[in-house]
C-alpha atoms as a PDB file:
ATOM      1  CA  MET A   1     120.799  49.123  41.729  1.00  0.00           C
ATOM      2  CA  TYR A   2     121.030  46.883  44.783  1.00  0.00           C
ATOM      3  CA  PHE A   3     123.063  47.462  47.939  1.00  0.00           C
ATOM      4  CA  ASP A   4     122.959  45.781  51.311  1.00  0.00           C
ATOM      5  CA  VAL A   5     124.963  46.254  54.470  1.00  0.00           C
ATOM      6  CA  ILE A   6     125.292  44.856  57.968  1.00  0.00           C
ATOM      7  CA  ILE A   7     126.400  47.511  60.462  1.00  0.00           C
ATOM      8  CA  ALA A   8     127.614  46.210  63.823  1.00  0.00           C
ATOM      9  CA  GLY A   9     129.256  47.335  67.051  1.00  0.00           C
ATOM     10  CA  PHE A  10     128.646  47.950  70.735  1.00  0.00           C
ATOM     11  CA  GLY A  11     125.549  49.769  71.937  1.00  0.00           C
ATOM     12  CA  GLY A  12     126.431  53.442  72.290  1.00  0.00           C
ATOM     13  CA  GLN A  13     128.601  53.532  69.148  1.00  0.00           C
ATOM     14  CA  GLY A  14     125.731  54.865  67.050  1.00  0.00           C
ATOM     15  CA  VAL A  15     125.372  51.739  64.928  1.00  0.00           C
ATOM     16  CA  LEU A  16     121.575  51.897  64.788  1.00  0.00           C
ATOM     17  CA  LEU A  17     121.602  55.633  64.064  1.00  0.00           C
ATOM     18  CA  LEU A  18     124.022  55.027  61.191  1.00  0.00           C
ATOM     19  CA  GLY A  19     121.643  52.433  59.728  1.00  0.00           C
ATOM     20  CA  ASN A  20     118.588  54.585  60.347  1.00  0.00           C
ATOM     21  CA  LEU A  21     120.204  57.586  58.667  1.00  0.00           C
ATOM     22  CA  LEU A  22     121.219  55.470  55.673  1.00  0.00           C
ATOM     23  CA  THR A  23     117.607  54.275  55.447  1.00  0.00           C
ATOM     24  CA  TYR A  24     116.155  57.788  55.445  1.00  0.00           C
ATOM     25  CA  ALA A  25     118.754  58.898  52.890  1.00  0.00           C
ATOM     26  CA  ALA A  26     117.651  56.093  50.569  1.00  0.00           C
ATOM     27  CA  MET A  27     114.061  57.302  50.935  1.00  0.00           C
ATOM     28  CA  VAL A  28     115.166  60.860  50.114  1.00  0.00           C
ATOM     29  CA  GLU A  29     116.583  59.443  46.869  1.00  0.00           C
ATOM     30  CA  GLY A  30     113.295  57.664  46.119  1.00  0.00           C
ATOM     31  CA  ARG A  31     114.652  54.152  46.590  1.00  0.00           C
ATOM     32  CA  HIS A  32     113.060  51.103  48.147  1.00  0.00           C
ATOM     33  CA  VAL A  33     114.672  50.356  51.495  1.00  0.00           C
ATOM     34  CA  THR A  34     114.424  48.045  54.500  1.00  0.00           C
ATOM     35  CA  TYR A  35     115.967  48.525  57.927  1.00  0.00           C
ATOM     36  CA  MET A  36     116.161  45.820  60.567  1.00  0.00           C
ATOM     37  CA  PRO A  37     117.780  46.638  63.939  1.00  0.00           C
ATOM     38  CA  VAL A  38     118.965  43.942  66.349  1.00  0.00           C
ATOM     39  CA  TYR A  39     120.289  44.711  69.815  1.00  0.00           C
ATOM     40  CA  GLY A  40     120.909  43.031  73.153  1.00  0.00           C
ATOM     41  CA  VAL A  41     119.110  43.835  76.377  1.00  0.00           C
ATOM     42  CA  GLU A  42     121.826  46.276  77.433  1.00  0.00           C
ATOM     43  CA  MET A  43     121.583  49.784  76.020  1.00  0.00           C
ATOM     44  CA  ARG A  44     125.261  50.768  76.214  1.00  0.00           C
ATOM     45  CA  GLY A  45     128.012  48.217  75.946  1.00  0.00           C
ATOM     46  CA  GLY A  46     125.772  45.435  74.647  1.00  0.00           C
ATOM     47  CA  THR A  47     125.909  44.278  71.077  1.00  0.00           C
ATOM     48  CA  ALA A  48     123.957  46.059  68.374  1.00  0.00           C
ATOM     49  CA  ASN A  49     123.666  45.559  64.655  1.00  0.00           C
ATOM     50  CA  CYS A  50     121.320  46.361  61.847  1.00  0.00           C
ATOM     51  CA  THR A  51     120.806  45.490  58.233  1.00  0.00           C
ATOM     52  CA  VAL A  52     119.904  47.952  55.517  1.00  0.00           C
ATOM     53  CA  VAL A  53     118.880  46.940  52.006  1.00  0.00           C
ATOM     54  CA  ILE A  54     118.568  49.620  49.305  1.00  0.00           C
ATOM     55  CA  SER A  55     117.216  48.896  45.844  1.00  0.00           C
ATOM     56  CA  ASP A  56     115.551  50.414  42.822  1.00  0.00           C
ATOM     57  CA  GLN A  57     113.123  47.468  42.923  1.00  0.00           C
ATOM     58  CA  GLU A  58     110.870  46.120  45.653  1.00  0.00           C
ATOM     59  CA  ILE A  59     112.751  44.242  48.379  1.00  0.00           C
ATOM     60  CA  GLY A  60     111.589  40.768  49.322  1.00  0.00           C
ATOM     61  CA  SER A  61     113.280  40.480  52.723  1.00  0.00           C
ATOM     62  CA  PRO A  62     115.389  42.563  55.097  1.00  0.00           C
ATOM     63  CA  VAL A  63     117.400  39.464  56.044  1.00  0.00           C
ATOM     64  CA  ILE A  64     120.960  39.357  54.698  1.00  0.00           C
ATOM     65  CA  HIS A  65     123.032  36.172  54.866  1.00  0.00           C
ATOM     66  CA  HIS A  66     126.028  37.270  52.765  1.00  0.00           C
ATOM     67  CA  PRO A  67     126.113  41.070  52.579  1.00  0.00           C
ATOM     68  CA  VAL A  68     127.718  43.125  49.844  1.00  0.00           C
ATOM     69  CA  THR A  69     129.060  45.329  52.639  1.00  0.00           C
ATOM     70  CA  ALA A  70     129.759  45.046  56.354  1.00  0.00           C
ATOM     71  CA  VAL A  71     130.668  47.886  58.700  1.00  0.00           C
ATOM     72  CA  VAL A  72     132.272  46.708  61.935  1.00  0.00           C
ATOM     73  CA  MET A  73     132.924  49.137  64.754  1.00  0.00           C
ATOM     74  CA  ASN A  74     134.497  46.648  67.220  1.00  0.00           C
ATOM     75  CA  LYS A  75     136.451  43.378  67.262  1.00  0.00           C
ATOM     76  CA  PRO A  76     133.538  41.066  68.215  1.00  0.00           C
ATOM     77  CA  SER A  77     131.594  42.409  65.227  1.00  0.00           C
ATOM     78  CA  LEU A  78     134.541  41.744  62.920  1.00  0.00           C
ATOM     79  CA  VAL A  79     134.745  38.167  64.171  1.00  0.00           C
ATOM     80  CA  ARG A  80     131.005  37.641  63.745  1.00  0.00           C
ATOM     81  CA  PHE A  81     130.313  39.413  60.443  1.00  0.00           C
ATOM     82  CA  GLY A  82     133.632  39.842  58.605  1.00  0.00           C
ATOM     83  CA  ALA A  83     133.643  36.422  56.971  1.00  0.00           C
ATOM     84  CA  MET A  84     130.045  36.819  55.770  1.00  0.00           C
ATOM     85  CA  VAL A  85     130.849  39.496  53.156  1.00  0.00           C
ATOM     86  CA  GLN A  86     130.379  38.382  49.549  1.00  0.00           C
ATOM     87  CA  PRO A  87     133.516  37.982  47.415  1.00  0.00           C
ATOM     88  CA  GLY A  88     134.189  41.360  45.815  1.00  0.00           C
ATOM     89  CA  GLY A  89     132.281  43.146  48.593  1.00  0.00           C
ATOM     90  CA  TRP A  90     133.486  45.696  51.132  1.00  0.00           C
ATOM     91  CA  LEU A  91     134.445  45.325  54.772  1.00  0.00           C
ATOM     92  CA  PHE A  92     134.797  48.663  56.583  1.00  0.00           C
ATOM     93  CA  VAL A  93     136.747  48.246  59.829  1.00  0.00           C
ATOM     94  CA  ASN A  94     137.002  50.804  62.629  1.00  0.00           C
ATOM     95  CA  SER A  95     140.794  50.874  62.876  1.00  0.00           C
ATOM     96  CA  SER A  96     140.585  53.181  65.896  1.00  0.00           C
ATOM     97  CA  LEU A  97     139.530  50.152  67.961  1.00  0.00           C
ATOM     98  CA  ILE A  98     140.608  47.181  65.838  1.00  0.00           C
ATOM     99  CA  ASP A  99     144.336  46.748  65.232  1.00  0.00           C
ATOM    100  CA  ALA A 100     144.328  43.984  62.667  1.00  0.00           C
ATOM    101  CA  ALA A 101     141.921  41.573  61.117  1.00  0.00           C
ATOM    102  CA  GLU A 102     142.643  37.891  61.598  1.00  0.00           C
ATOM    103  CA  GLY A 103     141.454  35.569  58.884  1.00  0.00           C
ATOM    104  CA  ASP A 104     141.432  35.452  55.117  1.00  0.00           C
ATOM    105  CA  TYR A 105     139.888  38.573  53.635  1.00  0.00           C
ATOM    106  CA  SER A 106     141.714  38.350  50.298  1.00  0.00           C
ATOM    107  CA  LYS A 107     138.497  38.096  48.264  1.00  0.00           C
ATOM    108  CA  ILE A 108     136.965  41.300  49.610  1.00  0.00           C
ATOM    109  CA  LYS A 109     137.954  44.947  49.833  1.00  0.00           C
ATOM    110  CA  MET A 110     138.907  45.616  53.444  1.00  0.00           C
ATOM    111  CA  ILE A 111     139.037  49.303  54.297  1.00  0.00           C
ATOM    112  CA  MET A 112     140.540  50.335  57.625  1.00  0.00           C
ATOM    113  CA  VAL A 113     138.998  53.645  58.740  1.00  0.00           C
ATOM    114  CA  PRO A 114     140.383  55.552  61.772  1.00  0.00           C
ATOM    115  CA  THR A 115     136.916  56.734  62.732  1.00  0.00           C
ATOM    116  CA  ILE A 116     137.639  58.302  66.110  1.00  0.00           C
ATOM    117  CA  GLU A 117     140.564  60.304  64.747  1.00  0.00           C
ATOM    118  CA  LEU A 118     138.511  61.484  61.757  1.00  0.00           C
ATOM    119  CA  ALA A 119     135.586  62.441  63.999  1.00  0.00           C
ATOM    120  CA  ALA A 120     137.948  64.338  66.323  1.00  0.00           C
ATOM    121  CA  LYS A 121     139.246  66.245  63.294  1.00  0.00           C
ATOM    122  CA  ALA A 122     135.638  67.242  62.592  1.00  0.00           C
ATOM    123  CA  GLY A 123     135.247  68.456  66.172  1.00  0.00           C
ATOM    124  CA  ASP A 124     133.876  65.554  68.244  1.00  0.00           C
ATOM    125  CA  PRO A 125     135.405  62.063  68.592  1.00  0.00           C
ATOM    126  CA  ARG A 126     131.995  60.682  69.594  1.00  0.00           C
ATOM    127  CA  LEU A 127     130.903  61.017  65.954  1.00  0.00           C
ATOM    128  CA  ALA A 128     132.980  58.027  64.824  1.00  0.00           C
ATOM    129  CA  ASN A 129     129.839  56.479  63.339  1.00  0.00           C
ATOM    130  CA  MET A 130     129.358  59.490  61.067  1.00  0.00           C
ATOM    131  CA  ALA A 131     132.990  59.375  59.919  1.00  0.00           C
ATOM    132  CA  MET A 132     132.452  55.702  59.058  1.00  0.00           C
ATOM    133  CA  LEU A 133     129.249  56.557  57.194  1.00  0.00           C
ATOM    134  CA  GLY A 134     131.113  59.151  55.137  1.00  0.00           C
ATOM    135  CA  ALA A 135     133.830  56.651  54.239  1.00  0.00           C
ATOM    136  CA  MET A 136     131.299  53.974  53.320  1.00  0.00           C
ATOM    137  CA  ILE A 137     129.130  56.122  51.065  1.00  0.00           C
ATOM    138  CA  GLU A 138     132.160  57.679  49.364  1.00  0.00           C
ATOM    139  CA  GLU A 139     133.636  54.259  48.571  1.00  0.00           C
ATOM    140  CA  THR A 140     130.458  52.356  47.655  1.00  0.00           C
ATOM    141  CA  LYS A 141     128.440  55.204  46.089  1.00  0.00           C
ATOM    142  CA  ALA A 142     125.354  53.484  47.560  1.00  0.00           C
ATOM    143  CA  ILE A 143     123.820  56.839  48.454  1.00  0.00           C
ATOM    144  CA  THR A 144     124.848  60.461  48.046  1.00  0.00           C
ATOM    145  CA  GLN A 145     126.206  62.615  50.821  1.00  0.00           C
ATOM    146  CA  GLU A 146     123.571  65.212  49.916  1.00  0.00           C
ATOM    147  CA  ALA A 147     120.782  62.696  50.582  1.00  0.00           C
ATOM    148  CA  VAL A 148     122.299  61.879  53.968  1.00  0.00           C
ATOM    149  CA  VAL A 149     122.409  65.556  54.946  1.00  0.00           C
ATOM    150  CA  LYS A 150     118.749  65.962  53.917  1.00  0.00           C
ATOM    151  CA  ALA A 151     117.834  62.844  55.907  1.00  0.00           C
ATOM    152  CA  PHE A 152     119.190  64.181  59.203  1.00  0.00           C
ATOM    153  CA  LYS A 153     115.986  66.085  59.982  1.00  0.00           C
ATOM    154  CA  GLN A 154     113.967  62.886  59.648  1.00  0.00           C
ATOM    155  CA  ALA A 155     116.403  60.591  61.442  1.00  0.00           C
ATOM    156  CA  LEU A 156     117.272  62.888  64.354  1.00  0.00           C
ATOM    157  CA  ASP A 157     114.872  64.130  66.994  1.00  0.00           C
ATOM    158  CA  LYS A 158     114.321  67.894  66.683  1.00  0.00           C
ATOM    159  CA  ARG A 159     116.343  68.614  69.833  1.00  0.00           C
ATOM    160  CA  TYR A 160     119.426  67.213  68.040  1.00  0.00           C
ATOM    161  CA  HIS A 161     119.065  69.297  64.867  1.00  0.00           C
ATOM    162  CA  LYS A 162     121.674  71.704  66.238  1.00  0.00           C
ATOM    163  CA  MET A 163     124.141  68.795  65.873  1.00  0.00           C
ATOM    164  CA  ILE A 164     123.570  68.447  62.120  1.00  0.00           C
ATOM    165  CA  PRO A 165     126.521  70.691  61.098  1.00  0.00           C
ATOM    166  CA  ILE A 166     129.079  68.779  63.177  1.00  0.00           C
ATOM    167  CA  ASN A 167     127.636  65.420  62.066  1.00  0.00           C
ATOM    168  CA  THR A 168     127.922  66.622  58.466  1.00  0.00           C
ATOM    169  CA  ALA A 169     131.544  67.633  59.114  1.00  0.00           C
ATOM    170  CA  ALA A 170     132.327  64.133  60.436  1.00  0.00           C
ATOM    171  CA  ILE A 171     130.736  62.559  57.351  1.00  0.00           C
ATOM    172  CA  GLU A 172     132.857  64.817  55.156  1.00  0.00           C
ATOM    173  CA  GLU A 173     136.035  63.800  57.035  1.00  0.00           C
ATOM    174  CA  GLY A 174     135.245  60.130  56.375  1.00  0.00           C
ATOM    175  CA  ALA A 175     134.561  60.827  52.705  1.00  0.00           C
ATOM    176  CA  ARG A 176     137.767  62.857  52.384  1.00  0.00           C
ATOM    177  CA  PHE A 177     139.739  59.977  53.904  1.00  0.00           C
ATOM    178  CA  ILE A 178     138.559  57.744  51.040  1.00  0.00           C
ATOM    179  CA  ARG A 179     138.997  60.390  48.322  1.00  0.00           C
ATOM    180  CA  GLU A 180     142.561  61.050  49.424  1.00  0.00           C
ATOM    181  CA  GLY A 181     143.321  57.326  49.361  1.00  0.00           C
ATOM    182  CA  LYS A 182     144.676  57.193  52.904  1.00  0.00           C
ATOM    183  CA  ARG A 183     143.229  53.787  53.683  1.00  0.00           C
END
């Protein structure tokens, strides 16, 4: 099993947390994993992205040139990373902020996810990143939802553990969106 993903958006959208949580979930499942965050000097509003590689075998490098999967939370990230996805791979697009994708994406599976709306349904629109995570893991089967829920205690500081139930609800909304074929 091999899975890699580039996750990108503005600082403050929870891009790095999404990648970090995916990384811990892979560890919960006993997989090899690498996580490489990249962010601008600004904390909120600047660009942020990370790469996560999950494998049953040792991983040689965290660098990804043509990912199997890309998650883009804003338009600049779509422009930068959308065309990098391998043919047959997945491109998850935050349709709450991105109306349409320009370019030729006919060789990949583009999935438009209304993350803010799904997160609001779960109780907090700020959890758009968790709704996207739920959609991604449901579609790709890269990791189980159960592993993600177990990973929260490692990925989140203890003071945020009270937020685990609502984060879990947002993940479930994203997964349900995929299961119900609403994309």
